[in-house]
Amino acid sequence: MRALLASPLGFLIGISLGALGGGGSILAIPALVYAAGQAPKAATTTSLVLVAITAAVGIVPHWRAGRVRVAAGTAFGVVGVGGSLLGTRLNSSVNQDLLLLLFSGLMLIAAGAMWRRVRRAETGVSVASKRPAAETVSLTGTPDGIPMARARAISVVKVLVAGSFVGMLTGFFGVGGGFVIVPALVLALDFDMIQAAGTSLLVITINSVVALTSRLQGGSIEWRIVVPFVALSLLGVMAGNRLAGSKSPAVLQKWFAGLLVTVAVYTAVRSGIALG
């Protein structure tokens, strides 16, 4: 009954995934622990199921709209497989209250990254604005004067580092890592924000499935909690997709960043008291 009463929070998580291409999964852990009554480590497994299903469903409208770059997204996700497996192993050896305290720090980092992204967009400082639209890459180098081979090598390194980091976050915390994936795709592969948001759902799906497969070997899933959360998350994804086309992304991200800070402070206080 407690899980059923808490399941409307899944709708909020789905809205974020649909509207922002990620971020909502970071709310799943506090919702599952403090509202649904799960233990922190069990919540990370439930979160992976929730994230994998909602991201896989949420990617469909982005795919139809041509906002998903499959090859690049698949490569980014495959790069994170090793990190995902490592994160899953680390999760099993960490104190549960310490896990929540670390997670509260992750939420603050995510909120800060989201807020900075909005501020850069509002002031007109973006990756795209730094390069004239008409510029093309020559055979000998990039518009920035960097040799093409070196520029490609730098991009590959960025993808390897970012992909591995996202995979580890997924395995350790049970989150999708969209707040890292989207800027990584923009900075490393020159995606525009719309393509990055759509493609991030593909990366999230790959990382979540890999981490979940590893988790299933060590325990079971509490379906009585998963099912109502997933059902309402899917409704939230559809609502979020519509919201993305009717509301300013900057406004949505500001509100979501504020919500993350609030939940992070609450989680830090609760877990800090428990550790003490």
Protein backbone atom coordinates (compact mmCIF):
# COMPACT_ATOMS: atom_id res chain seq x y z
CA MET A 1 0.00 0.00 0.00
CA ARG A 2 2.84 2.40 0.82
CA ALA A 3 4.44 1.72 -2.56
CA LEU A 4 1.12 2.29 -4.33
CA LEU A 5 0.59 5.61 -2.57
CA ALA A 6 4.12 6.70 -3.49
CA SER A 7 3.85 5.67 -7.15
CA PRO A 8 2.55 9.08 -8.40
CA LEU A 9 6.14 10.25 -7.96
CA GLY A 10 6.89 7.99 -10.91
CA PHE A 11 4.79 10.32 -13.03
CA LEU A 12 7.11 13.21 -12.13
CA ILE A 13 10.14 11.11 -13.06
CA GLY A 14 8.58 10.24 -16.41
CA ILE A 15 7.81 13.88 -17.15
CA SER A 16 11.45 14.80 -16.69
CA LEU A 17 12.66 11.96 -18.92
CA GLY A 18 10.20 12.95 -21.64
CA ALA A 19 10.70 16.70 -21.44
CA LEU A 20 14.43 16.94 -20.73
CA GLY A 21 15.84 13.70 -22.15
CA GLY A 22 17.08 12.63 -18.72
CA GLY A 23 17.43 13.80 -15.15
CA GLY A 24 14.23 12.33 -13.76
CA SER A 25 15.86 9.08 -12.78
CA ILE A 26 17.90 10.89 -10.16
CA LEU A 27 14.67 11.45 -8.23
CA ALA A 28 13.82 7.75 -8.24
CA ILE A 29 16.15 6.74 -5.41
CA PRO A 30 14.82 9.24 -2.80
CA ALA A 31 11.25 8.47 -3.90
CA LEU A 32 11.75 4.72 -3.53
CA VAL A 33 13.58 5.00 -0.19
CA TYR A 34 11.60 7.69 1.63
CA ALA A 35 8.17 7.30 0.01
CA ALA A 36 7.98 3.62 -1.01
CA GLY A 37 10.03 2.33 1.95
CA GLN A 38 12.71 0.40 0.07
CA ALA A 39 16.25 -0.12 1.36
CA PRO A 40 18.75 2.10 -0.51
CA LYS A 41 20.52 -0.74 -2.36
CA ALA A 42 17.22 -2.36 -3.34
CA ALA A 43 16.06 1.07 -4.53
CA THR A 44 19.03 1.35 -6.90
CA THR A 45 17.95 -1.92 -8.56
CA THR A 46 14.31 -0.85 -8.78
CA SER A 47 15.47 2.47 -10.21
CA LEU A 48 17.35 0.67 -12.98
CA VAL A 49 14.19 -1.18 -14.04
CA LEU A 50 12.24 2.07 -13.96
CA VAL A 51 14.88 3.99 -15.92
CA ALA A 52 15.43 1.28 -18.54
CA ILE A 53 11.73 0.90 -19.36
CA THR A 54 10.81 4.59 -19.34
CA ALA A 55 13.88 5.56 -21.39
CA ALA A 56 13.19 2.82 -23.96
CA VAL A 57 9.59 3.98 -24.34
CA GLY A 58 10.49 7.66 -24.23
CA ILE A 59 12.93 7.29 -27.10
CA VAL A 60 10.16 6.37 -29.58
CA PRO A 61 8.78 9.89 -30.25
CA HIS A 62 12.31 11.28 -30.43
CA TRP A 63 13.16 8.55 -32.96
CA ARG A 64 10.12 9.39 -35.09
CA ALA A 65 11.05 13.06 -35.02
CA GLY A 66 14.60 12.30 -36.20
CA ARG A 67 16.22 13.42 -32.95
CA VAL A 68 18.14 10.17 -32.22
CA ARG A 69 21.59 9.52 -33.73
CA VAL A 70 21.73 5.75 -33.36
CA ALA A 71 25.35 5.01 -34.30
CA ALA A 72 26.86 7.64 -32.01
CA GLY A 73 24.46 6.87 -29.16
CA THR A 74 25.13 3.14 -29.36
CA ALA A 75 28.89 3.72 -29.36
CA PHE A 76 28.60 6.02 -26.33
CA GLY A 77 26.52 3.41 -24.51
CA VAL A 78 28.85 0.51 -25.34
CA VAL A 79 31.81 2.52 -24.03
CA GLY A 80 30.05 2.70 -20.65
CA VAL A 81 29.60 -1.07 -20.24
CA GLY A 82 32.84 -1.50 -18.26
CA GLY A 83 32.03 1.43 -15.99
CA SER A 84 28.52 0.09 -15.43
CA LEU A 85 29.81 -3.30 -14.30
CA LEU A 86 32.40 -1.65 -12.03
CA GLY A 87 29.77 0.61 -10.48
CA THR A 88 27.50 -2.36 -9.80
CA ARG A 89 30.30 -4.15 -7.96
CA LEU A 90 31.13 -1.08 -5.88
CA ASN A 91 27.47 -0.64 -4.94
CA SER A 92 27.40 -3.98 -3.12
CA SER A 93 30.29 -3.00 -0.82
CA VAL A 94 29.14 0.46 0.33
CA ASN A 95 27.20 1.27 3.52
CA GLN A 96 23.58 2.09 2.62
CA ASP A 97 23.44 5.39 4.47
CA LEU A 98 26.78 6.43 2.97
CA LEU A 99 25.35 5.54 -0.44
CA LEU A 100 22.47 7.97 0.14
CA LEU A 101 24.82 10.68 1.40
CA LEU A 102 26.96 10.31 -1.73
CA PHE A 103 23.80 10.33 -3.80
CA SER A 104 22.71 13.65 -2.30
CA GLY A 105 26.03 15.10 -3.49
CA LEU A 106 25.34 13.72 -6.97
CA MET A 107 21.96 15.46 -7.00
CA LEU A 108 23.58 18.78 -6.11
CA ILE A 109 26.12 18.32 -8.92
CA ALA A 110 23.31 17.53 -11.35
CA ALA A 111 21.35 20.59 -10.25
CA GLY A 112 24.42 22.80 -10.66
CA ALA A 113 25.16 21.40 -14.13
CA MET A 114 21.58 21.94 -15.21
CA TRP A 115 21.53 25.50 -13.86
CA ARG A 116 24.80 26.40 -15.60
CA ARG A 117 23.47 25.02 -18.86
CA VAL A 118 20.40 27.24 -18.59
CA ARG A 119 22.50 30.30 -17.74
CA ARG A 120 24.80 29.72 -20.73
CA ALA A 121 21.79 29.40 -23.00
CA GLU A 122 20.26 32.61 -21.64
CA THR A 123 23.46 34.58 -22.14
CA GLY A 124 23.97 33.19 -25.62
CA VAL A 125 27.16 31.31 -24.71
CA SER A 126 26.97 27.89 -26.28
CA VAL A 127 29.07 25.53 -28.29
CA ALA A 128 27.19 26.40 -31.44
CA SER A 129 27.54 30.15 -30.90
CA LYS A 130 31.30 29.93 -30.74
CA ARG A 131 31.52 28.84 -34.38
CA PRO A 132 30.08 30.66 -37.40
CA ALA A 133 27.32 28.57 -38.96
CA ALA A 134 28.86 28.74 -42.41
CA GLU A 135 32.23 27.38 -41.37
CA THR A 136 33.29 24.01 -42.68
CA VAL A 137 36.13 21.73 -41.80
CA SER A 138 38.98 21.75 -44.28
CA LEU A 139 41.05 18.73 -45.28
CA THR A 140 43.95 19.92 -43.16
CA GLY A 141 42.25 21.05 -40.00
CA THR A 142 39.15 22.22 -38.10
CA PRO A 143 37.77 25.80 -38.01
CA ASP A 144 39.60 26.24 -34.69
CA GLY A 145 42.94 25.54 -36.37
CA ILE A 146 43.37 22.10 -34.77
CA PRO A 147 44.53 19.34 -37.16
CA MET A 148 41.62 17.05 -38.00
CA ALA A 149 43.33 13.88 -36.75
CA ARG A 150 44.05 15.52 -33.40
CA ALA A 151 40.51 16.89 -33.14
CA ARG A 152 39.09 13.43 -33.75
CA ALA A 153 41.45 11.91 -31.18
CA ILE A 154 40.33 14.50 -28.62
CA SER A 155 36.68 13.70 -29.35
CA VAL A 156 37.33 9.97 -28.95
CA VAL A 157 39.02 10.53 -25.58
CA LYS A 158 36.12 12.70 -24.41
CA VAL A 159 33.61 10.03 -25.41
CA LEU A 160 35.63 7.28 -23.67
CA VAL A 161 35.93 9.26 -20.44
CA ALA A 162 32.35 10.54 -20.40
CA GLY A 163 30.88 7.18 -21.45
CA SER A 164 32.80 5.27 -18.77
CA PHE A 165 31.84 7.83 -16.11
CA VAL A 166 28.16 7.67 -17.04
CA GLY A 167 28.27 3.86 -17.01
CA MET A 168 29.77 3.86 -13.53
CA LEU A 169 27.10 6.27 -12.26
CA THR A 170 24.42 4.01 -13.68
CA GLY A 171 25.85 0.89 -12.07
CA PHE A 172 26.64 2.47 -8.70
CA PHE A 173 23.64 4.74 -8.14
CA GLY A 174 21.03 3.25 -10.48
CA VAL A 175 20.60 6.51 -12.41
CA GLY A 176 20.60 7.17 -16.13
CA GLY A 177 23.14 9.99 -16.06
CA GLY A 178 21.32 12.18 -18.57
CA PHE A 179 22.69 15.32 -16.91
CA VAL A 180 26.18 14.13 -17.94
CA ILE A 181 25.29 12.53 -21.27
CA VAL A 182 23.60 15.56 -22.83
CA PRO A 183 26.47 18.05 -22.34
CA ALA A 184 28.99 15.32 -23.25
CA LEU A 185 27.25 14.73 -26.59
CA VAL A 186 27.14 18.47 -27.23
CA LEU A 187 30.77 19.13 -26.34
CA ALA A 188 32.43 15.97 -27.63
CA LEU A 189 30.36 15.21 -30.73
CA ASP A 190 28.92 18.64 -31.60
CA PHE A 191 25.28 17.55 -31.20
CA ASP A 192 22.67 20.24 -30.91
CA MET A 193 20.65 20.16 -27.69
CA ILE A 194 17.58 18.55 -29.28
CA GLN A 195 19.58 15.68 -30.78
CA ALA A 196 21.54 15.26 -27.54
CA ALA A 197 18.33 14.97 -25.49
CA GLY A 198 16.89 12.31 -27.82
CA THR A 199 20.13 10.36 -28.17
CA SER A 200 20.72 10.41 -24.41
CA LEU A 201 17.70 8.16 -23.95
CA LEU A 202 19.37 5.51 -26.12
CA VAL A 203 22.54 5.72 -24.01
CA ILE A 204 20.51 5.54 -20.80
CA THR A 205 18.70 2.44 -22.04
CA ILE A 206 21.94 0.62 -22.90
CA ASN A 207 23.66 1.47 -19.59
CA SER A 208 20.59 0.60 -17.51
CA VAL A 209 20.08 -2.79 -19.17
CA VAL A 210 23.76 -3.72 -18.67
CA ALA A 211 23.74 -2.70 -15.00
CA LEU A 212 20.38 -4.40 -14.38
CA THR A 213 21.55 -7.66 -15.95
CA SER A 214 24.47 -7.69 -13.53
CA ARG A 215 22.20 -6.91 -10.56
CA LEU A 216 19.75 -9.72 -11.35
CA GLN A 217 22.45 -12.27 -10.67
CA GLY A 218 22.59 -11.18 -7.03
CA GLY A 219 18.95 -10.69 -6.06
CA SER A 220 15.31 -10.33 -7.02
CA ILE A 221 13.19 -7.34 -8.07
CA GLU A 222 10.28 -6.12 -5.94
CA TRP A 223 7.68 -6.02 -8.71
CA ARG A 224 4.93 -4.80 -6.38
CA ILE A 225 6.86 -1.53 -6.23
CA VAL A 226 8.17 -1.51 -9.79
CA VAL A 227 4.86 -2.00 -11.61
CA PRO A 228 2.91 1.04 -10.31
CA PHE A 229 6.00 3.25 -10.56
CA VAL A 230 6.68 2.20 -14.16
CA ALA A 231 3.03 2.52 -15.20
CA LEU A 232 2.83 6.12 -14.03
CA SER A 233 6.32 6.90 -15.34
CA LEU A 234 5.22 5.87 -18.84
CA LEU A 235 2.27 8.24 -18.59
CA GLY A 236 4.69 10.90 -17.41
CA VAL A 237 6.99 10.31 -20.39
CA MET A 238 4.12 10.94 -22.80
CA ALA A 239 3.12 14.07 -20.91
CA GLY A 240 6.75 15.21 -20.87
CA ASN A 241 7.10 14.81 -24.63
CA ARG A 242 4.12 17.11 -25.12
CA LEU A 243 5.44 19.51 -22.52
CA ALA A 244 8.78 19.70 -24.32
CA GLY A 245 7.06 21.12 -27.37
CA SER A 246 4.95 23.69 -25.52
CA LYS A 247 7.13 25.03 -22.69
CA SER A 248 10.52 26.71 -22.60
CA PRO A 249 13.26 24.14 -21.82
CA ALA A 250 15.02 26.79 -19.72
CA VAL A 251 11.99 27.22 -17.46
CA LEU A 252 11.58 23.45 -17.07
CA GLN A 253 15.24 22.99 -16.20
CA LYS A 254 15.21 25.81 -13.64
CA TRP A 255 12.24 24.31 -11.80
CA PHE A 256 13.79 20.86 -11.93
CA ALA A 257 17.15 22.12 -10.64
CA GLY A 258 15.38 23.71 -7.67
CA LEU A 259 13.55 20.46 -6.96
CA LEU A 260 16.84 18.53 -7.06
CA VAL A 261 18.44 20.86 -4.52
CA THR A 262 15.47 20.47 -2.16
CA VAL A 263 15.51 16.67 -2.38
CA ALA A 264 19.32 16.59 -2.07
CA VAL A 265 19.28 18.60 1.17
CA TYR A 266 16.56 16.38 2.65
CA THR A 267 18.45 13.20 1.64
CA ALA A 268 21.74 14.53 3.04
CA VAL A 269 20.17 15.41 6.39
CA ARG A 270 18.42 12.03 6.73
CA SER A 271 21.44 9.97 5.72
CA GLY A 272 23.83 12.11 7.76
CA ILE A 273 21.75 11.61 10.91
CA ALA A 274 21.61 7.84 10.26
CA LEU A 275 25.37 7.65 9.81
CA GLY A 276 25.91 9.67 12.98
